[in-house]
Amino acid sequence: MVMRTSTQRHQYFSEDNTRRATVHESYEGWFVEFYENDKLMERRNLFEHNEQYAEDAAENWVLNVIQING
């Protein structure tokens, strides 16, 4: 799959600034990038969901609700 251009719409930070999430809108739909210590941990495509769902995923990342192993 090839990502076309996208626009960052929102950005979330953890209280200690170790986690960050960016919410993007693209031609395909919404996606979120999860960062930890400025390292991209995952790009999660949420194309079948709406903006609120993407924002909730971003917030869950910075609140440590979402954990990524690896």
PDB file of N, CA and C in Angstrom:
ATOM      1  N   MET A   1       0.842  -1.169   0.000  1.00  0.00           N
ATOM      2  CA  MET A   1       0.000   0.000   0.000  1.00  0.00           C
ATOM      3  C   MET A   1       0.897   1.245   0.000  1.00  0.00           C
ATOM      4  N   VAL A   2       0.548   2.207  -0.792  1.00  0.00           N
ATOM      5  CA  VAL A   2       1.312   3.449  -0.893  1.00  0.00           C
ATOM      6  C   VAL A   2       0.506   4.563  -0.243  1.00  0.00           C
ATOM      7  N   MET A   3       1.137   5.252   0.702  1.00  0.00           N
ATOM      8  CA  MET A   3       0.478   6.400   1.339  1.00  0.00           C
ATOM      9  C   MET A   3       0.603   7.602   0.424  1.00  0.00           C
ATOM     10  N   ARG A   4      -0.484   8.243   0.190  1.00  0.00           N
ATOM     11  CA  ARG A   4      -0.439   9.507  -0.528  1.00  0.00           C
ATOM     12  C   ARG A   4      -0.172  10.607   0.487  1.00  0.00           C
ATOM     13  N   THR A   5      -0.337  11.822   0.087  1.00  0.00           N
ATOM     14  CA  THR A   5      -0.097  12.920   1.017  1.00  0.00           C
ATOM     15  C   THR A   5      -1.077  12.860   2.179  1.00  0.00           C
ATOM     16  N   SER A   6      -0.613  13.332   3.306  1.00  0.00           N
ATOM     17  CA  SER A   6      -1.466  13.373   4.489  1.00  0.00           C
ATOM     18  C   SER A   6      -1.235  14.691   5.211  1.00  0.00           C
ATOM     19  N   THR A   7      -2.166  15.010   6.086  1.00  0.00           N
ATOM     20  CA  THR A   7      -2.089  16.228   6.879  1.00  0.00           C
ATOM     21  C   THR A   7      -2.191  15.861   8.347  1.00  0.00           C
ATOM     22  N   GLN A   8      -1.234  16.339   9.127  1.00  0.00           N
ATOM     23  CA  GLN A   8      -1.319  16.114  10.567  1.00  0.00           C
ATOM     24  C   GLN A   8      -2.396  17.026  11.121  1.00  0.00           C
ATOM     25  N   ARG A   9      -3.347  16.434  11.851  1.00  0.00           N
ATOM     26  CA  ARG A   9      -4.469  17.196  12.400  1.00  0.00           C
ATOM     27  C   ARG A   9      -4.353  17.441  13.896  1.00  0.00           C
ATOM     28  N   HIS A  10      -3.755  16.484  14.636  1.00  0.00           N
ATOM     29  CA  HIS A  10      -3.674  16.600  16.092  1.00  0.00           C
ATOM     30  C   HIS A  10      -2.367  15.998  16.579  1.00  0.00           C
ATOM     31  N   GLN A  11      -1.952  16.438  17.761  1.00  0.00           N
ATOM     32  CA  GLN A  11      -0.760  15.892  18.395  1.00  0.00           C
ATOM     33  C   GLN A  11      -1.016  15.788  19.905  1.00  0.00           C
ATOM     34  N   TYR A  12      -0.635  14.657  20.485  1.00  0.00           N
ATOM     35  CA  TYR A  12      -0.840  14.387  21.911  1.00  0.00           C
ATOM     36  C   TYR A  12       0.499  14.048  22.546  1.00  0.00           C
ATOM     37  N   PHE A  13       0.659  14.428  23.826  1.00  0.00           N
ATOM     38  CA  PHE A  13       1.894  14.166  24.561  1.00  0.00           C
ATOM     39  C   PHE A  13       1.567  13.568  25.913  1.00  0.00           C
ATOM     40  N   SER A  14       2.431  12.673  26.383  1.00  0.00           N
ATOM     41  CA  SER A  14       2.306  12.170  27.751  1.00  0.00           C
ATOM     42  C   SER A  14       2.779  13.259  28.707  1.00  0.00           C
ATOM     43  N   GLU A  15       2.406  13.139  29.970  1.00  0.00           N
ATOM     44  CA  GLU A  15       2.789  14.151  30.960  1.00  0.00           C
ATOM     45  C   GLU A  15       4.295  14.293  31.087  1.00  0.00           C
ATOM     46  N   ASP A  16       5.015  13.179  30.952  1.00  0.00           N
ATOM     47  CA  ASP A  16       6.475  13.235  31.072  1.00  0.00           C
ATOM     48  C   ASP A  16       7.174  13.432  29.714  1.00  0.00           C
ATOM     49  N   ASN A  17       6.391  13.624  28.671  1.00  0.00           N
ATOM     50  CA  ASN A  17       6.888  13.871  27.306  1.00  0.00           C
ATOM     51  C   ASN A  17       7.697  12.726  26.712  1.00  0.00           C
ATOM     52  N   THR A  18       7.543  11.513  27.235  1.00  0.00           N
ATOM     53  CA  THR A  18       8.243  10.379  26.636  1.00  0.00           C
ATOM     54  C   THR A  18       7.425   9.741  25.520  1.00  0.00           C
ATOM     55  N   ARG A  19       6.122   9.956  25.542  1.00  0.00           N
ATOM     56  CA  ARG A  19       5.248   9.411  24.497  1.00  0.00           C
ATOM     57  C   ARG A  19       4.543  10.546  23.775  1.00  0.00           C
ATOM     58  N   ARG A  20       4.411  10.323  22.463  1.00  0.00           N
ATOM     59  CA  ARG A  20       3.737  11.310  21.611  1.00  0.00           C
ATOM     60  C   ARG A  20       2.939  10.536  20.577  1.00  0.00           C
ATOM     61  N   ALA A  21       1.816  11.092  20.184  1.00  0.00           N
ATOM     62  CA  ALA A  21       1.002  10.502  19.121  1.00  0.00           C
ATOM     63  C   ALA A  21       0.554  11.615  18.189  1.00  0.00           C
ATOM     64  N   THR A  22       0.620  11.342  16.904  1.00  0.00           N
ATOM     65  CA  THR A  22       0.153  12.302  15.910  1.00  0.00           C
ATOM     66  C   THR A  22      -0.973  11.670  15.107  1.00  0.00           C
ATOM     67  N   VAL A  23      -2.036  12.437  14.911  1.00  0.00           N
ATOM     68  CA  VAL A  23      -3.207  11.986  14.167  1.00  0.00           C
ATOM     69  C   VAL A  23      -3.166  12.649  12.798  1.00  0.00           C
ATOM     70  N   HIS A  24      -3.292  11.819  11.753  1.00  0.00           N
ATOM     71  CA  HIS A  24      -3.193  12.306  10.380  1.00  0.00           C
ATOM     72  C   HIS A  24      -4.442  11.939   9.587  1.00  0.00           C
ATOM     73  N   GLU A  25      -4.763  12.807   8.642  1.00  0.00           N
ATOM     74  CA  GLU A  25      -5.836  12.533   7.689  1.00  0.00           C
ATOM     75  C   GLU A  25      -5.201  12.407   6.310  1.00  0.00           C
ATOM     76  N   SER A  26      -5.523  11.330   5.629  1.00  0.00           N
ATOM     77  CA  SER A  26      -4.984  11.099   4.285  1.00  0.00           C
ATOM     78  C   SER A  26      -6.127  10.783   3.328  1.00  0.00           C
ATOM     79  N   TYR A  27      -5.775  10.582   2.090  1.00  0.00           N
ATOM     80  CA  TYR A  27      -6.765  10.210   1.080  1.00  0.00           C
ATOM     81  C   TYR A  27      -7.489   8.921   1.476  1.00  0.00           C
ATOM     82  N   GLU A  28      -6.747   7.994   2.091  1.00  0.00           N
ATOM     83  CA  GLU A  28      -7.314   6.708   2.484  1.00  0.00           C
ATOM     84  C   GLU A  28      -8.172   6.797   3.736  1.00  0.00           C
ATOM     85  N   GLY A  29      -7.917   7.811   4.573  1.00  0.00           N
ATOM     86  CA  GLY A  29      -8.645   7.970   5.830  1.00  0.00           C
ATOM     87  C   GLY A  29      -7.691   8.388   6.933  1.00  0.00           C
ATOM     88  N   TRP A  30      -8.022   8.033   8.160  1.00  0.00           N
ATOM     89  CA  TRP A  30      -7.261   8.451   9.338  1.00  0.00           C
ATOM     90  C   TRP A  30      -6.204   7.430   9.694  1.00  0.00           C
ATOM     91  N   PHE A  31      -5.059   7.904  10.216  1.00  0.00           N
ATOM     92  CA  PHE A  31      -4.050   7.026  10.799  1.00  0.00           C
ATOM     93  C   PHE A  31      -3.345   7.765  11.920  1.00  0.00           C
ATOM     94  N   VAL A  32      -2.732   6.984  12.826  1.00  0.00           N
ATOM     95  CA  VAL A  32      -2.056   7.545  13.992  1.00  0.00           C
ATOM     96  C   VAL A  32      -0.637   7.001  14.034  1.00  0.00           C
ATOM     97  N   GLU A  33       0.306   7.861  14.359  1.00  0.00           N
ATOM     98  CA  GLU A  33       1.684   7.444  14.572  1.00  0.00           C
ATOM     99  C   GLU A  33       1.991   7.532  16.059  1.00  0.00           C
ATOM    100  N   PHE A  34       2.500   6.425  16.619  1.00  0.00           N
ATOM    101  CA  PHE A  34       2.844   6.341  18.033  1.00  0.00           C
ATOM    102  C   PHE A  34       4.361   6.449  18.176  1.00  0.00           C
ATOM    103  N   TYR A  35       4.816   7.380  18.999  1.00  0.00           N
ATOM    104  CA  TYR A  35       6.248   7.593  19.246  1.00  0.00           C
ATOM    105  C   TYR A  35       6.553   7.384  20.724  1.00  0.00           C
ATOM    106  N   GLU A  36       7.729   6.821  20.978  1.00  0.00           N
ATOM    107  CA  GLU A  36       8.240   6.730  22.343  1.00  0.00           C
ATOM    108  C   GLU A  36       9.699   7.175  22.311  1.00  0.00           C
ATOM    109  N   ASN A  37      10.027   8.173  23.127  1.00  0.00           N
ATOM    110  CA  ASN A  37      11.361   8.778  23.119  1.00  0.00           C
ATOM    111  C   ASN A  37      11.776   9.182  21.707  1.00  0.00           C
ATOM    112  N   ASP A  38      10.852   9.778  20.991  1.00  0.00           N
ATOM    113  CA  ASP A  38      11.037  10.268  19.616  1.00  0.00           C
ATOM    114  C   ASP A  38      11.306   9.179  18.588  1.00  0.00           C
ATOM    115  N   LYS A  39      11.090   7.925  18.948  1.00  0.00           N
ATOM    116  CA  LYS A  39      11.232   6.812  18.009  1.00  0.00           C
ATOM    117  C   LYS A  39       9.833   6.361  17.581  1.00  0.00           C
ATOM    118  N   LEU A  40       9.621   6.276  16.268  1.00  0.00           N
ATOM    119  CA  LEU A  40       8.338   5.792  15.762  1.00  0.00           C
ATOM    120  C   LEU A  40       8.196   4.317  16.124  1.00  0.00           C
ATOM    121  N   MET A  41       7.190   4.015  16.930  1.00  0.00           N
ATOM    122  CA  MET A  41       6.952   2.645  17.372  1.00  0.00           C
ATOM    123  C   MET A  41       5.960   1.914  16.459  1.00  0.00           C
ATOM    124  N   GLU A  42       4.969   2.655  15.980  1.00  0.00           N
ATOM    125  CA  GLU A  42       3.948   2.038  15.123  1.00  0.00           C
ATOM    126  C   GLU A  42       3.181   3.114  14.388  1.00  0.00           C
ATOM    127  N   ARG A  43       2.794   2.802  13.168  1.00  0.00           N
ATOM    128  CA  ARG A  43       1.832   3.613  12.422  1.00  0.00           C
ATOM    129  C   ARG A  43       0.589   2.743  12.296  1.00  0.00           C
ATOM    130  N   ARG A  44      -0.502   3.206  12.898  1.00  0.00           N
ATOM    131  CA  ARG A  44      -1.729   2.416  12.922  1.00  0.00           C
ATOM    132  C   ARG A  44      -2.744   3.019  11.964  1.00  0.00           C
ATOM    133  N   ASN A  45      -3.085   2.257  10.921  1.00  0.00           N
ATOM    134  CA  ASN A  45      -4.084   2.694   9.951  1.00  0.00           C
ATOM    135  C   ASN A  45      -5.471   2.465  10.532  1.00  0.00           C
ATOM    136  N   LEU A  46      -6.263   3.521  10.549  1.00  0.00           N
ATOM    137  CA  LEU A  46      -7.633   3.457  11.075  1.00  0.00           C
ATOM    138  C   LEU A  46      -8.598   3.933  10.001  1.00  0.00           C
ATOM    139  N   PHE A  47      -8.332   3.514   8.787  1.00  0.00           N
ATOM    140  CA  PHE A  47      -9.055   4.025   7.621  1.00  0.00           C
ATOM    141  C   PHE A  47     -10.561   3.812   7.703  1.00  0.00           C
ATOM    142  N   GLU A  48     -10.993   2.749   8.365  1.00  0.00           N
ATOM    143  CA  GLU A  48     -12.426   2.452   8.431  1.00  0.00           C
ATOM    144  C   GLU A  48     -13.112   3.174   9.590  1.00  0.00           C
ATOM    145  N   HIS A  49     -12.339   3.969  10.340  1.00  0.00           N
ATOM    146  CA  HIS A  49     -12.878   4.673  11.499  1.00  0.00           C
ATOM    147  C   HIS A  49     -12.890   6.186  11.263  1.00  0.00           C
ATOM    148  N   ASN A  50     -13.489   6.905  12.201  1.00  0.00           N
ATOM    149  CA  ASN A  50     -13.611   8.359  12.066  1.00  0.00           C
ATOM    150  C   ASN A  50     -12.526   9.084  12.866  1.00  0.00           C
ATOM    151  N   GLU A  51     -12.553  10.401  12.800  1.00  0.00           N
ATOM    152  CA  GLU A  51     -11.554  11.230  13.473  1.00  0.00           C
ATOM    153  C   GLU A  51     -11.557  11.008  14.979  1.00  0.00           C
ATOM    154  N   GLN A  52     -12.725  10.921  15.591  1.00  0.00           N
ATOM    155  CA  GLN A  52     -12.808  10.729  17.041  1.00  0.00           C
ATOM    156  C   GLN A  52     -12.122   9.436  17.465  1.00  0.00           C
ATOM    157  N   TYR A  53     -12.303   8.386  16.689  1.00  0.00           N
ATOM    158  CA  TYR A  53     -11.668   7.107  16.995  1.00  0.00           C
ATOM    159  C   TYR A  53     -10.150   7.246  16.947  1.00  0.00           C
ATOM    160  N   ALA A  54      -9.641   7.944  15.944  1.00  0.00           N
ATOM    161  CA  ALA A  54      -8.197   8.168  15.828  1.00  0.00           C
ATOM    162  C   ALA A  54      -7.678   8.992  17.004  1.00  0.00           C
ATOM    163  N   GLU A  55      -8.416  10.013  17.390  1.00  0.00           N
ATOM    164  CA  GLU A  55      -8.021  10.822  18.540  1.00  0.00           C
ATOM    165  C   GLU A  55      -8.001   9.982  19.820  1.00  0.00           C
ATOM    166  N   ASP A  56      -8.989   9.119  19.988  1.00  0.00           N
ATOM    167  CA  ASP A  56      -9.041   8.247  21.162  1.00  0.00           C
ATOM    168  C   ASP A  56      -7.834   7.314  21.192  1.00  0.00           C
ATOM    169  N   ALA A  57      -7.445   6.772  20.042  1.00  0.00           N
ATOM    170  CA  ALA A  57      -6.268   5.899  19.983  1.00  0.00           C
ATOM    171  C   ALA A  57      -5.016   6.673  20.379  1.00  0.00           C
ATOM    172  N   ALA A  58      -4.883   7.900  19.896  1.00  0.00           N
ATOM    173  CA  ALA A  58      -3.730   8.736  20.240  1.00  0.00           C
ATOM    174  C   ALA A  58      -3.693   9.009  21.737  1.00  0.00           C
ATOM    175  N   GLU A  59      -4.822   9.348  22.301  1.00  0.00           N
ATOM    176  CA  GLU A  59      -4.887   9.622  23.737  1.00  0.00           C
ATOM    177  C   GLU A  59      -4.558   8.366  24.546  1.00  0.00           C
ATOM    178  N   ASN A  60      -5.073   7.219  24.107  1.00  0.00           N
ATOM    179  CA  ASN A  60      -4.785   5.966  24.808  1.00  0.00           C
ATOM    180  C   ASN A  60      -3.293   5.638  24.776  1.00  0.00           C
ATOM    181  N   TRP A  61      -2.611   5.996  23.702  1.00  0.00           N
ATOM    182  CA  TRP A  61      -1.170   5.756  23.629  1.00  0.00           C
ATOM    183  C   TRP A  61      -0.432   6.589  24.680  1.00  0.00           C
ATOM    184  N   VAL A  62      -0.715   7.877  24.734  1.00  0.00           N
ATOM    185  CA  VAL A  62       0.031   8.737  25.658  1.00  0.00           C
ATOM    186  C   VAL A  62      -0.328   8.464  27.119  1.00  0.00           C
ATOM    187  N   LEU A  63      -1.494   7.861  27.369  1.00  0.00           N
ATOM    188  CA  LEU A  63      -1.887   7.500  28.720  1.00  0.00           C
ATOM    189  C   LEU A  63      -1.445   6.086  29.102  1.00  0.00           C
ATOM    190  N   ASN A  64      -0.674   5.437  28.233  1.00  0.00           N
ATOM    191  CA  ASN A  64      -0.162   4.071  28.458  1.00  0.00           C
ATOM    192  C   ASN A  64      -1.246   3.006  28.480  1.00  0.00           C
ATOM    193  N   VAL A  65      -2.395   3.283  27.898  1.00  0.00           N
ATOM    194  CA  VAL A  65      -3.430   2.253  27.762  1.00  0.00           C
ATOM    195  C   VAL A  65      -3.007   1.274  26.671  1.00  0.00           C
ATOM    196  N   ILE A  66      -2.456   1.790  25.586  1.00  0.00           N
ATOM    197  CA  ILE A  66      -1.944   0.964  24.491  1.00  0.00           C
ATOM    198  C   ILE A  66      -0.481   0.663  24.770  1.00  0.00           C
ATOM    199  N   GLN A  67      -0.131  -0.613  24.736  1.00  0.00           N
ATOM    200  CA  GLN A  67       1.246  -1.074  24.900  1.00  0.00           C
ATOM    201  C   GLN A  67       1.674  -1.771  23.616  1.00  0.00           C
ATOM    202  N   ILE A  68       2.898  -1.543  23.196  1.00  0.00           N
ATOM    203  CA  ILE A  68       3.445  -2.201  22.006  1.00  0.00           C
ATOM    204  C   ILE A  68       4.668  -2.996  22.445  1.00  0.00           C
ATOM    205  N   ASN A  69       4.653  -4.287  22.162  1.00  0.00           N
ATOM    206  CA  ASN A  69       5.788  -5.132  22.499  1.00  0.00           C
ATOM    207  C   ASN A  69       6.808  -5.084  21.364  1.00  0.00           C
ATOM    208  N   GLY A  70       8.048  -5.024  21.732  1.00  0.00           N
ATOM    209  CA  GLY A  70       9.065  -5.062  20.693  1.00  0.00           C
ATOM    210  C   GLY A  70      10.052  -4.071  20.903  1.00  0.00           C
TER     211      GLY A  70
END
